[in-house]
Amino acid sequence: MNRRFSLLVALALLPLLPAYGQNGPVFKVSYDEVVDGGPLTGRVFLVFARDDTREPRLQVGRYGVPFFGVDVENLGPEEHVTFDASVLGYPPRSLTELPAGTYRVQAVISRYSEFRRSDGHVLWMHDDRWEGQDWRVSEGNLYSVPKTIDFDPTSRETVWLSVDRVMPPAEIPPDTEWVRRFKIRSDILSEFWGRDIFLGMTVLLPRGYDEHPGVRYPTVYNQGHFSLRPPFGFREGSEFFDAWTGDGFPRFLAVTIQHPCPYFDDSYAVNSANCGPFGDAIHQELVPEFERRFRAIPEGWARTLTGGSTGGWEAFALQVFYPDFYGGSWAFAPDPLDFRNVEGINIYEDTNAFWRQKEWYRAPIINTRDHLTGEALLTSEQRNRMELVNGTKGRSGEQLDIWSAVFGPVGDDGYFKPLFDKATGTIDPSVAEYWREHYDLRHILQRDWATLGPKLVGKLHTYVGLMDNFFLDFGVYHMEEFLESTTDPHYAGSFTYGKRGGHGWRPFGSDELMRIMAEHIVRNAPPGADVAGWRY
């Protein structure tokens, strides 16, 4: 009787339990041979949105609309990709968790290309089309016209979507009186990746550049994510525009670098096992070409670095890895300078990237916080699931994946060996140790201070908000603790903190930063250097 009663209860509960892959609506996606004859290898996305002001694909993001992804290999025209309750999604994990309602639904096919790398590995990755590794807008990717549907997670309806549109090329802004752009094929990177890889620059010219043909100028390298916009938000009507074009302002060349890699919109500007020798390519190919085309002073004392977040890490790291090539770094909210806090994760002591085990309970690791209230905005598990839906094998084009690509070793399959499992969060200590020895900047400086220290005196200046949204202030604390302890020589740089400052906090504007840099350059120029010609 007890067994029979238990069976009856179990049968009664079956309709309440999610039968992934069986219950719920199904979406079938195919592409029209008119737009592409195929076959296609890549990733197919299904996106839902309530807001009709933009296409659903343009609303995907860490705080964005629900989307789901499926890898495909050699998919032919009119073959169907099935999205059902078994397909992983974000923010809802499954279609059965998507609330009932009226949605605009859209499908996108992101193309992958074959890369035959010089290390012998063959990888299928997204080949950047100068859009900055963004599958939502990349040239040649396919998409469907948004379709309005009434969605019921308990129905067994099948919805058919035909992908019949092609995304256009990225728009390159025209050159102006003040802004010039150029792009080169990198022989170094093309050899590594087995396909053409390009580097570029957006150059902001000083006032009077054409009227002073005999003057050579110092350069500020403004690091950051892929962008074709002018450095420092230069645009008519802004305070920086007025300062840059006004009287009494130091005359610099200001540049941003375009260096997307197959993993991200930015390579982090250093040599790495997975992304390749971007550091060599930038310093041996791109910078010399820039200094040939424009009248830059080709010496370290006249090159300065700045940037925020990703660009902040690059500004700090390039000064450390190329201490003689650059004359000073001003890094704002840099990505982790010490890996004891990587957006909440202590890669050396934590055993799991999603949860921290206490004696009687486990607590979720917070990835993002509100800098005013301290409220948790995303957990580490949520952030990583968002990346996993964007792409498997580290092909999400997102933040945690590029850190593994830049900082980590190559895996047996040719893609990066992950720091932790994206599904379970389990951390691999051997990968953490690789990160430490190659890219933990605080560890590297402490380990190599005897040789690096004399080349870095007065060159490292760091700024961060005390409530950085991604906990990046903790890496800065660890870095300051070490650098302030240095002797023979003392680092003689600076650390500046903003009370309750979030990720975008800065103590002053770009115009004031440029004046600080100019004073630094003049003060540290070698004897006989021309420091007057560019201060007209």
Protein backbone atom coordinates (compact mmCIF):
# COMPACT_ATOMS: atom_id res chain seq x y z
CA MET A 1 0.00 0.00 0.00
CA ASN A 2 2.81 2.45 0.88
CA ARG A 3 4.61 1.75 -2.41
CA ARG A 4 1.34 2.15 -4.36
CA PHE A 5 0.55 5.43 -2.57
CA SER A 6 4.06 6.76 -3.31
CA LEU A 7 3.69 5.86 -6.99
CA LEU A 8 0.34 7.65 -7.23
CA VAL A 9 1.83 10.78 -5.62
CA ALA A 10 4.79 10.71 -7.99
CA LEU A 11 2.51 10.39 -11.03
CA ALA A 12 0.38 13.28 -9.78
CA LEU A 13 3.47 15.48 -9.47
CA LEU A 14 4.85 14.72 -12.92
CA PRO A 15 3.06 17.60 -14.68
CA LEU A 16 4.67 20.00 -12.19
CA LEU A 17 8.22 18.88 -12.91
CA PRO A 18 10.22 20.32 -15.85
CA ALA A 19 10.76 17.62 -18.47
CA TYR A 20 13.62 19.36 -20.28
CA GLY A 21 13.71 18.53 -23.97
CA GLN A 22 10.09 17.30 -24.00
CA ASN A 23 7.64 19.79 -22.48
CA GLY A 24 7.25 23.40 -23.52
CA PRO A 25 7.33 25.17 -26.86
CA VAL A 26 9.93 24.42 -29.52
CA PHE A 27 11.59 26.89 -31.89
CA LYS A 28 12.99 25.78 -35.25
CA VAL A 29 15.57 28.06 -36.91
CA SER A 30 16.88 27.75 -40.46
CA TYR A 31 18.61 30.09 -42.92
CA ASP A 32 17.69 30.85 -46.51
CA GLU A 33 20.11 29.70 -49.20
CA VAL A 34 19.48 33.00 -50.97
CA VAL A 35 21.48 34.83 -48.29
CA ASP A 36 24.12 32.10 -47.92
CA GLY A 37 24.73 28.80 -49.67
CA GLY A 38 26.44 27.33 -46.61
CA PRO A 39 27.42 25.20 -44.94
CA LEU A 40 27.91 27.34 -41.83
CA THR A 41 29.81 26.67 -38.62
CA GLY A 42 29.13 28.97 -35.70
CA ARG A 43 26.56 29.67 -33.04
CA VAL A 44 22.83 30.25 -33.40
CA PHE A 45 21.03 32.56 -30.99
CA LEU A 46 17.36 32.90 -30.12
CA VAL A 47 16.48 36.24 -28.49
CA PHE A 48 13.29 37.44 -26.77
CA ALA A 49 12.33 41.05 -26.02
CA ARG A 50 9.30 43.01 -24.90
CA ASP A 51 10.69 46.42 -25.90
CA ASP A 52 10.08 47.16 -29.59
CA THR A 53 12.28 50.28 -29.80
CA ARG A 54 15.29 48.17 -30.85
CA GLU A 55 15.72 44.76 -32.41
CA PRO A 56 15.95 42.00 -29.78
CA ARG A 57 19.56 41.15 -30.73
CA LEU A 58 20.62 44.68 -29.82
CA GLN A 59 19.19 44.27 -26.31
CA VAL A 60 21.37 41.30 -25.31
CA GLY A 61 23.77 41.98 -22.45
CA ARG A 62 24.64 41.19 -18.85
CA TYR A 63 21.46 42.99 -17.73
CA GLY A 64 19.69 42.38 -21.02
CA VAL A 65 16.87 40.34 -22.46
CA PRO A 66 16.54 36.53 -22.43
CA PHE A 67 18.58 34.68 -25.06
CA PHE A 68 19.63 31.12 -25.82
CA GLY A 69 22.51 29.67 -27.86
CA VAL A 70 23.36 26.50 -29.80
CA ASP A 71 26.63 25.58 -31.56
CA VAL A 72 26.34 24.33 -35.14
CA GLU A 73 28.84 22.69 -37.46
CA ASN A 74 28.46 22.54 -41.25
CA LEU A 75 24.82 23.60 -41.04
CA GLY A 76 23.22 23.58 -44.48
CA PRO A 77 20.48 25.84 -45.82
CA GLU A 78 16.99 24.79 -44.76
CA GLU A 79 18.39 22.51 -42.04
CA HIS A 80 16.74 23.34 -38.75
CA VAL A 81 18.32 24.18 -35.40
CA THR A 82 16.05 23.22 -32.52
CA PHE A 83 15.60 25.33 -29.40
CA ASP A 84 13.68 23.50 -26.68
CA ALA A 85 13.69 23.31 -22.91
CA SER A 86 17.09 21.59 -22.89
CA VAL A 87 18.94 24.59 -24.37
CA LEU A 88 20.76 26.75 -21.83
CA GLY A 89 19.69 30.38 -21.59
CA TYR A 90 20.28 33.62 -19.72
CA PRO A 91 18.85 35.13 -17.56
CA PRO A 92 16.30 32.24 -17.48
CA ARG A 93 18.09 28.91 -17.73
CA SER A 94 15.41 27.29 -19.87
CA LEU A 95 12.54 28.22 -22.13
CA THR A 96 10.27 26.70 -19.49
CA GLU A 97 11.40 29.45 -17.08
CA LEU A 98 10.56 32.27 -19.48
CA PRO A 99 7.37 33.99 -18.24
CA ALA A 100 4.27 33.82 -20.41
CA GLY A 101 3.54 36.91 -22.45
CA THR A 102 3.87 38.67 -25.76
CA TYR A 103 7.41 38.83 -27.12
CA ARG A 104 9.33 39.86 -30.19
CA VAL A 105 11.57 36.93 -31.01
CA GLN A 106 14.59 36.97 -33.33
CA ALA A 107 17.23 34.48 -34.47
CA VAL A 108 20.88 35.25 -35.27
CA ILE A 109 23.60 33.06 -36.78
CA SER A 110 27.11 34.11 -35.80
CA ARG A 111 29.69 32.76 -38.23
CA TYR A 112 32.91 31.09 -37.11
CA SER A 113 35.99 30.85 -39.31
CA GLU A 114 38.76 28.30 -39.35
CA PHE A 115 42.07 29.40 -37.82
CA ARG A 116 45.06 27.16 -38.48
CA ARG A 117 47.38 28.46 -35.81
CA SER A 118 51.14 28.21 -36.02
CA ASP A 119 51.20 26.10 -32.84
CA GLY A 120 49.49 23.32 -34.80
CA HIS A 121 46.00 23.76 -33.37
CA VAL A 122 42.95 24.28 -35.58
CA LEU A 123 40.28 26.48 -34.00
CA TRP A 124 36.87 27.73 -35.11
CA MET A 125 36.40 31.29 -33.89
CA HIS A 126 34.60 34.47 -34.80
CA ASP A 127 36.75 36.47 -37.23
CA ASP A 128 36.42 40.12 -36.20
CA ARG A 129 35.14 42.43 -38.94
CA TRP A 130 36.29 45.65 -37.27
CA GLU A 131 33.17 45.80 -35.13
CA GLY A 132 34.93 44.70 -31.93
CA GLN A 133 33.94 41.03 -31.54
CA ASP A 134 30.20 41.71 -31.28
CA TRP A 135 28.06 38.97 -32.85
CA ARG A 136 25.01 41.21 -32.64
CA VAL A 137 26.31 43.53 -35.39
CA SER A 138 29.22 41.75 -37.09
CA GLU A 139 29.47 41.95 -40.87
CA GLY A 140 28.24 38.78 -42.59
CA ASN A 141 26.31 37.40 -39.63
CA LEU A 142 22.74 36.41 -40.46
CA TYR A 143 19.54 37.38 -38.69
CA SER A 144 15.78 37.14 -38.96
CA VAL A 145 13.15 39.85 -38.95
CA PRO A 146 11.70 40.06 -35.41
CA LYS A 147 8.47 38.10 -35.06
CA THR A 148 5.76 38.87 -32.49
CA ILE A 149 4.46 35.82 -30.64
CA ASP A 150 2.30 34.96 -27.66
CA PHE A 151 4.52 32.74 -25.55
CA ASP A 152 3.24 30.09 -23.16
CA PRO A 153 5.96 28.02 -21.43
CA THR A 154 3.51 25.13 -20.92
CA SER A 155 2.43 24.84 -24.57
CA ARG A 156 3.82 22.36 -27.07
CA GLU A 157 3.69 24.81 -29.97
CA THR A 158 6.41 24.82 -32.63
CA VAL A 159 7.53 28.24 -33.89
CA TRP A 160 9.44 28.48 -37.17
CA LEU A 161 11.97 31.25 -37.84
CA SER A 162 13.76 31.89 -41.13
CA VAL A 163 17.07 33.75 -41.06
CA ASP A 164 17.15 35.77 -44.27
CA ARG A 165 19.05 39.01 -43.58
CA VAL A 166 22.80 39.75 -43.65
CA MET A 167 24.49 42.26 -41.37
CA PRO A 168 26.29 45.05 -43.25
CA PRO A 169 29.94 46.11 -42.84
CA ALA A 170 30.89 48.28 -39.90
CA GLU A 171 30.78 52.01 -40.61
CA ILE A 172 34.21 53.62 -40.47
CA PRO A 173 33.96 57.30 -39.49
CA PRO A 174 35.57 59.67 -41.99
CA ASP A 175 38.79 61.49 -41.16
CA THR A 176 38.49 65.10 -40.09
CA GLU A 177 40.72 68.10 -39.51
CA TRP A 178 41.54 66.69 -36.09
CA VAL A 179 41.14 62.91 -36.37
CA ARG A 180 42.97 60.45 -38.65
CA ARG A 181 42.74 56.66 -38.82
CA PHE A 182 44.86 53.90 -40.31
CA LYS A 183 44.85 50.11 -40.34
CA ILE A 184 47.62 47.62 -41.14
CA ARG A 185 47.91 43.89 -41.61
CA SER A 186 50.12 42.43 -38.90
CA ASP A 187 52.59 39.92 -40.31
CA ILE A 188 53.42 38.72 -36.80
CA LEU A 189 49.82 37.99 -35.81
CA SER A 190 48.74 36.69 -39.21
CA GLU A 191 51.50 34.10 -39.06
CA PHE A 192 50.41 33.03 -35.57
CA TRP A 193 46.68 32.77 -36.39
CA GLY A 194 46.95 31.47 -39.96
CA ARG A 195 44.58 34.22 -41.17
CA ASP A 196 44.92 37.93 -41.79
CA ILE A 197 44.90 39.85 -38.51
CA PHE A 198 44.75 43.64 -38.51
CA LEU A 199 45.78 46.40 -36.13
CA GLY A 200 44.72 50.02 -36.30
CA MET A 201 44.91 53.42 -34.68
CA THR A 202 42.71 56.45 -34.26
CA VAL A 203 44.93 59.52 -34.00
CA LEU A 204 43.93 62.86 -32.51
CA LEU A 205 46.11 65.67 -33.86
CA PRO A 206 47.15 68.70 -31.79
CA ARG A 207 46.20 72.21 -32.75
CA GLY A 208 48.68 73.62 -35.23
CA TYR A 209 49.93 70.23 -36.41
CA ASP A 210 49.95 71.20 -40.09
CA GLU A 211 51.21 74.73 -39.37
CA HIS A 212 54.28 73.42 -37.50
CA PRO A 213 55.78 70.80 -39.85
CA GLY A 214 59.11 70.78 -38.03
CA VAL A 215 57.72 69.92 -34.60
CA ARG A 216 57.74 66.44 -33.12
CA TYR A 217 55.23 65.64 -30.39
CA PRO A 218 54.93 63.41 -27.32
CA THR A 219 52.23 60.76 -27.49
CA VAL A 220 49.60 59.62 -25.02
CA TYR A 221 48.36 56.08 -25.62
CA ASN A 222 44.76 55.93 -24.38
CA GLN A 223 43.99 52.23 -23.86
CA GLY A 224 40.55 50.63 -23.75
CA HIS A 225 37.96 48.50 -25.48
CA PHE A 226 37.61 48.52 -29.25
CA SER A 227 36.37 51.85 -30.51
CA LEU A 228 36.75 53.97 -33.63
CA ARG A 229 35.80 57.12 -31.74
CA PRO A 230 38.46 59.78 -31.09
CA PRO A 231 40.50 59.54 -27.87
CA PHE A 232 39.14 61.09 -24.67
CA GLY A 233 35.65 61.59 -26.10
CA PHE A 234 36.91 64.43 -28.30
CA ARG A 235 33.93 66.13 -29.91
CA GLU A 236 32.91 69.68 -30.60
CA GLY A 237 31.16 71.28 -27.66
CA SER A 238 32.86 69.18 -24.98
CA GLU A 239 35.15 70.63 -22.30
CA PHE A 240 38.00 68.50 -23.57
CA PHE A 241 37.49 69.82 -27.12
CA ASP A 242 37.69 73.38 -25.84
CA ALA A 243 40.87 72.64 -23.90
CA TRP A 244 42.54 70.63 -26.68
CA THR A 245 41.91 73.29 -29.32
CA GLY A 246 42.44 76.27 -27.00
CA ASP A 247 45.41 78.39 -26.02
CA GLY A 248 47.98 77.34 -23.47
CA PHE A 249 47.33 73.60 -23.75
CA PRO A 250 50.22 71.12 -24.16
CA ARG A 251 50.35 69.80 -27.73
CA PHE A 252 50.22 66.01 -27.78
CA LEU A 253 49.41 63.29 -30.25
CA ALA A 254 46.68 61.20 -28.60
CA VAL A 255 45.91 57.73 -29.93
CA THR A 256 43.68 54.75 -29.32
CA ILE A 257 44.65 51.32 -30.62
CA GLN A 258 42.34 48.87 -32.36
CA HIS A 259 43.58 45.36 -31.60
CA PRO A 260 40.69 42.89 -31.46
CA CYS A 261 41.63 39.23 -31.17
CA PRO A 262 39.46 36.18 -31.95
CA TYR A 263 38.52 35.95 -28.25
CA PHE A 264 37.58 39.56 -27.51
CA ASP A 265 37.33 43.13 -28.75
CA ASP A 266 40.76 43.78 -27.21
CA SER A 267 43.88 41.64 -26.90
CA TYR A 268 45.11 43.25 -23.66
CA ALA A 269 48.13 44.37 -25.71
CA VAL A 270 50.51 41.74 -24.36
CA ASN A 271 51.96 38.49 -25.65
CA SER A 272 49.94 35.45 -24.58
CA ALA A 273 49.79 31.77 -25.39
CA ASN A 274 46.18 31.87 -26.62
CA CYS A 275 45.79 35.30 -28.20
CA GLY A 276 49.26 35.37 -29.67
CA PRO A 277 52.10 37.92 -29.77
CA PHE A 278 50.01 41.09 -29.68
CA GLY A 279 52.63 42.82 -27.55
CA ASP A 280 55.27 42.20 -30.21
CA ALA A 281 52.94 43.22 -33.03
CA ILE A 282 51.91 46.49 -31.37
CA HIS A 283 55.45 47.52 -30.44
CA GLN A 284 57.32 46.20 -33.48
CA GLU A 285 54.77 46.93 -36.22
CA LEU A 286 51.99 49.32 -35.22
CA VAL A 287 53.79 51.90 -33.09
CA PRO A 288 56.72 52.24 -35.54
CA GLU A 289 54.23 52.71 -38.40
CA PHE A 290 52.41 55.39 -36.40
CA GLU A 291 55.64 57.17 -35.57
CA ARG A 292 56.64 57.02 -39.23
CA ARG A 293 53.33 58.48 -40.47
CA PHE A 294 52.99 61.13 -37.76
CA ARG A 295 55.66 63.25 -36.16
CA ALA A 296 55.83 61.50 -32.82
CA ILE A 297 58.94 61.66 -30.66
CA PRO A 298 60.13 58.03 -30.95
CA GLU A 299 61.59 57.78 -27.45
CA GLY A 300 60.31 56.31 -24.19
CA TRP A 301 60.33 59.53 -22.16
CA ALA A 302 57.82 61.03 -24.61
CA ARG A 303 55.36 58.11 -24.58
CA THR A 304 52.72 57.99 -21.85
CA LEU A 305 49.95 55.52 -21.07
CA THR A 306 46.45 55.86 -19.69
CA GLY A 307 43.13 54.04 -19.74
CA GLY A 308 40.30 52.79 -17.59
CA SER A 309 39.16 49.26 -16.65
CA THR A 310 40.58 47.02 -19.40
CA GLY A 311 42.56 50.04 -20.56
CA GLY A 312 43.67 50.68 -16.98
CA TRP A 313 45.19 47.21 -16.73
CA GLU A 314 46.86 47.67 -20.11
CA ALA A 315 48.26 51.06 -19.12
CA PHE A 316 49.75 49.56 -15.95
CA ALA A 317 50.87 46.28 -17.54
CA LEU A 318 52.57 47.83 -20.57
CA GLN A 319 54.57 50.09 -18.28
CA VAL A 320 55.66 46.99 -16.35
CA PHE A 321 56.35 44.72 -19.34
CA TYR A 322 57.92 47.50 -21.45
CA PRO A 323 59.49 49.69 -18.75
CA ASP A 324 61.89 51.51 -21.07
CA PHE A 325 59.46 51.92 -23.97
CA TYR A 326 57.07 54.15 -21.97
CA GLY A 327 57.72 57.07 -19.67
CA GLY A 328 54.72 56.94 -17.35
CA SER A 329 51.34 55.29 -16.68
CA TRP A 330 48.10 56.73 -15.29
CA ALA A 331 45.76 53.78 -14.78
CA PHE A 332 42.10 54.23 -13.80
CA ALA A 333 40.06 51.39 -12.23
CA PRO A 334 42.43 48.79 -13.69
CA ASP A 335 41.33 45.19 -14.11
CA PRO A 336 42.78 43.00 -11.34
CA LEU A 337 46.37 43.97 -10.58
CA ASP A 338 46.43 41.11 -8.07
CA PHE A 339 44.50 37.89 -8.61
CA ARG A 340 43.36 37.49 -5.01
CA ASN A 341 40.21 39.25 -6.17
CA VAL A 342 39.12 38.65 -9.76
CA GLU A 343 35.63 40.14 -9.77
CA GLY A 344 35.05 38.56 -6.37
CA ILE A 345 37.04 35.34 -6.91
CA ASN A 346 40.26 34.61 -5.01
CA ILE A 347 41.85 32.31 -7.58
CA TYR A 348 44.49 31.08 -5.12
CA GLU A 349 42.34 30.26 -2.09
CA ASP A 350 38.82 29.64 -3.41
CA THR A 351 38.06 26.15 -4.68
CA ASN A 352 34.93 27.23 -6.54
CA ALA A 353 34.33 30.37 -8.58
CA PHE A 354 30.58 30.48 -7.85
CA TRP A 355 30.28 29.60 -4.16
CA ARG A 356 32.40 30.13 -1.07
CA GLN A 357 31.97 27.34 1.46
CA LYS A 358 31.58 28.32 5.11
CA GLU A 359 31.43 25.85 8.02
CA TRP A 360 27.67 25.30 7.89
CA TYR A 361 26.61 26.93 4.65
CA ARG A 362 27.85 28.21 1.34
CA ALA A 363 27.50 31.78 0.09
CA PRO A 364 27.34 32.91 -3.52
CA ILE A 365 30.31 34.93 -4.82
CA ILE A 366 29.18 38.37 -5.94
CA ASN A 367 30.47 39.53 -9.31
CA THR A 368 28.94 43.03 -9.51
CA ARG A 369 27.69 45.45 -6.87
CA ASP A 370 25.93 48.81 -6.85
CA HIS A 371 28.55 51.33 -5.73
CA LEU A 372 26.04 53.53 -3.89
CA THR A 373 24.08 50.91 -1.95
CA GLY A 374 26.36 47.84 -2.01
CA GLU A 375 23.47 45.80 -3.45
CA ALA A 376 24.51 42.66 -5.32
CA LEU A 377 23.65 43.08 -9.01
CA LEU A 378 25.05 39.83 -10.41
CA THR A 379 26.51 36.69 -8.91
CA SER A 380 29.57 35.04 -10.38
CA GLU A 381 27.43 32.10 -11.52
CA GLN A 382 25.05 34.42 -13.38
CA ARG A 383 27.83 36.36 -15.04
CA ASN A 384 29.54 33.18 -16.18
CA ARG A 385 26.32 31.60 -17.43
CA MET A 386 25.74 34.71 -19.52
CA GLU A 387 29.18 34.17 -21.05
CA LEU A 388 28.54 30.47 -21.63
CA VAL A 389 25.32 31.24 -23.51
CA ASN A 390 27.26 33.74 -25.63
CA GLY A 391 29.76 31.07 -26.61
CA THR A 392 31.32 27.74 -25.62
CA LYS A 393 35.08 27.06 -25.50
CA GLY A 394 35.67 30.62 -24.33
CA ARG A 395 34.19 32.14 -27.49
CA SER A 396 31.77 34.43 -25.68
CA GLY A 397 33.64 37.63 -26.45
CA GLU A 398 33.12 38.53 -22.78
CA GLN A 399 35.25 39.59 -19.82
CA LEU A 400 35.95 36.42 -17.81
CA ASP A 401 36.74 34.47 -20.97
CA ILE A 402 39.28 36.98 -22.27
CA TRP A 403 41.08 36.91 -18.94
CA SER A 404 41.40 33.13 -19.27
CA ALA A 405 42.54 33.55 -22.87
CA VAL A 406 45.18 36.18 -22.05
CA PHE A 407 46.33 34.95 -18.65
CA GLY A 408 46.00 31.18 -19.06
CA PRO A 409 47.74 28.31 -20.87
CA VAL A 410 46.56 26.56 -24.03
CA GLY A 411 44.36 23.52 -23.47
CA ASP A 412 44.69 20.15 -25.19
CA ASP A 413 42.01 21.12 -27.74
CA GLY A 414 43.79 24.35 -28.69
CA TYR A 415 41.34 26.65 -26.94
CA PHE A 416 42.43 28.14 -23.64
CA LYS A 417 42.60 25.93 -20.57
CA PRO A 418 39.94 27.51 -18.32
CA LEU A 419 40.64 28.73 -14.81
CA PHE A 420 37.37 27.13 -13.74
CA ASP A 421 34.56 25.02 -15.13
CA LYS A 422 31.83 27.30 -16.50
CA ALA A 423 29.12 24.83 -15.52
CA THR A 424 30.21 23.89 -11.98
CA GLY A 425 32.62 26.68 -10.98
CA THR A 426 35.37 24.26 -9.90
CA ILE A 427 38.76 26.03 -10.01
CA ASP A 428 41.87 24.41 -11.51
CA PRO A 429 44.83 25.29 -9.20
CA SER A 430 47.38 24.56 -11.92
CA VAL A 431 45.84 27.22 -14.14
CA ALA A 432 45.73 29.65 -11.22
CA GLU A 433 49.47 29.13 -10.75
CA TYR A 434 50.07 29.85 -14.46
CA TRP A 435 48.10 33.10 -14.10
CA ARG A 436 50.23 34.07 -11.09
CA GLU A 437 53.61 33.53 -12.71
CA HIS A 438 52.79 35.21 -16.02
CA TYR A 439 50.28 38.02 -15.41
CA ASP A 440 49.69 38.72 -11.70
CA LEU A 441 51.28 42.18 -11.85
CA ARG A 442 51.66 42.57 -8.08
CA HIS A 443 53.39 39.19 -7.88
CA ILE A 444 55.62 39.96 -10.88
CA LEU A 445 56.70 43.32 -9.47
CA GLN A 446 57.46 41.79 -6.07
CA ARG A 447 59.35 38.91 -7.67
CA ASP A 448 61.36 41.07 -10.09
CA TRP A 449 61.64 44.40 -8.28
CA ALA A 450 65.44 44.28 -8.23
CA THR A 451 65.52 44.55 -12.02
CA LEU A 452 62.21 46.30 -12.75
CA GLY A 453 62.20 48.80 -9.89
CA PRO A 454 64.97 51.10 -11.16
CA LYS A 455 63.13 51.45 -14.49
CA LEU A 456 59.75 52.29 -12.94
CA VAL A 457 60.56 55.00 -10.42
CA GLY A 458 57.91 57.72 -10.64
CA LYS A 459 56.07 56.05 -13.51
CA LEU A 460 53.14 54.23 -11.85
CA HIS A 461 50.03 56.25 -10.93
CA THR A 462 46.77 54.46 -10.12
CA TYR A 463 43.23 55.68 -9.43
CA VAL A 464 40.17 53.71 -8.30
CA GLY A 465 36.85 54.20 -6.55
CA LEU A 466 36.55 52.66 -3.09
CA MET A 467 33.30 50.99 -4.17
CA ASP A 468 34.34 49.82 -7.62
CA ASN A 469 31.40 47.89 -9.07
CA PHE A 470 33.59 44.91 -9.96
CA PHE A 471 35.73 44.91 -6.79
CA LEU A 472 38.76 46.15 -8.73
CA ASP A 473 39.77 48.31 -5.78
CA PHE A 474 41.04 45.20 -3.97
CA GLY A 475 43.74 44.52 -6.55
CA VAL A 476 44.81 48.15 -6.20
CA TYR A 477 45.02 47.80 -2.39
CA HIS A 478 47.31 44.80 -2.75
CA MET A 479 49.46 46.62 -5.30
CA GLU A 480 49.76 49.71 -3.11
CA GLU A 481 50.69 47.58 -0.10
CA PHE A 482 53.67 46.18 -1.98
CA LEU A 483 54.79 49.31 -3.83
CA GLU A 484 54.68 51.48 -0.72
CA SER A 485 57.00 48.96 0.94
CA THR A 486 59.63 49.15 -1.79
CA THR A 487 63.13 50.42 -1.12
CA ASP A 488 66.26 50.62 -3.20
CA PRO A 489 64.50 52.07 -5.08
CA HIS A 490 61.20 53.32 -3.71
CA TYR A 491 58.60 53.32 -6.49
CA ALA A 492 57.82 57.07 -6.04
CA GLY A 493 54.44 56.82 -7.78
CA SER A 494 50.95 57.44 -6.42
CA PHE A 495 47.60 55.87 -5.51
CA THR A 496 44.39 57.91 -5.39
CA TYR A 497 41.03 56.63 -4.09
CA GLY A 498 37.51 57.98 -4.48
CA LYS A 499 35.14 57.74 -1.53
CA ARG A 500 32.08 55.72 -2.63
CA GLY A 501 33.43 55.95 -6.17
CA GLY A 502 32.17 53.36 -8.63
CA HIS A 503 33.80 51.91 -11.72
CA GLY A 504 33.82 55.17 -13.66
CA TRP A 505 35.24 57.36 -10.88
CA ARG A 506 37.99 59.84 -11.76
CA PRO A 507 39.34 62.70 -9.67
CA PHE A 508 39.80 65.02 -12.65
CA GLY A 509 39.04 65.35 -16.36
CA SER A 510 41.15 64.37 -19.35
CA ASP A 511 42.34 67.95 -19.87
CA GLU A 512 43.85 68.05 -16.38
CA LEU A 513 45.39 64.62 -16.94
CA MET A 514 47.13 65.90 -20.06
CA ARG A 515 48.60 68.82 -18.14
CA ILE A 516 49.89 66.43 -15.47
CA MET A 517 51.47 64.25 -18.16
CA ALA A 518 53.10 67.26 -19.84
CA GLU A 519 54.72 68.33 -16.57
CA HIS A 520 55.92 64.76 -16.01
CA ILE A 521 57.43 64.58 -19.50
CA VAL A 522 59.26 67.88 -19.16
CA ARG A 523 60.55 66.93 -15.70
CA ASN A 524 61.88 63.55 -16.87
CA ALA A 525 63.16 64.43 -20.36
CA PRO A 526 66.83 63.64 -20.92
CA PRO A 527 69.34 66.50 -21.18
CA GLY A 528 69.17 68.24 -24.55
CA ALA A 529 65.68 66.96 -25.43
CA ASP A 530 63.34 69.45 -27.10
CA VAL A 531 60.55 70.10 -24.62
CA ALA A 532 59.68 73.56 -25.89
CA GLY A 533 58.76 72.98 -29.55
CA TRP A 534 55.48 71.20 -28.77
CA ARG A 535 54.37 73.71 -26.12
CA TYR A 536 53.45 76.52 -28.48
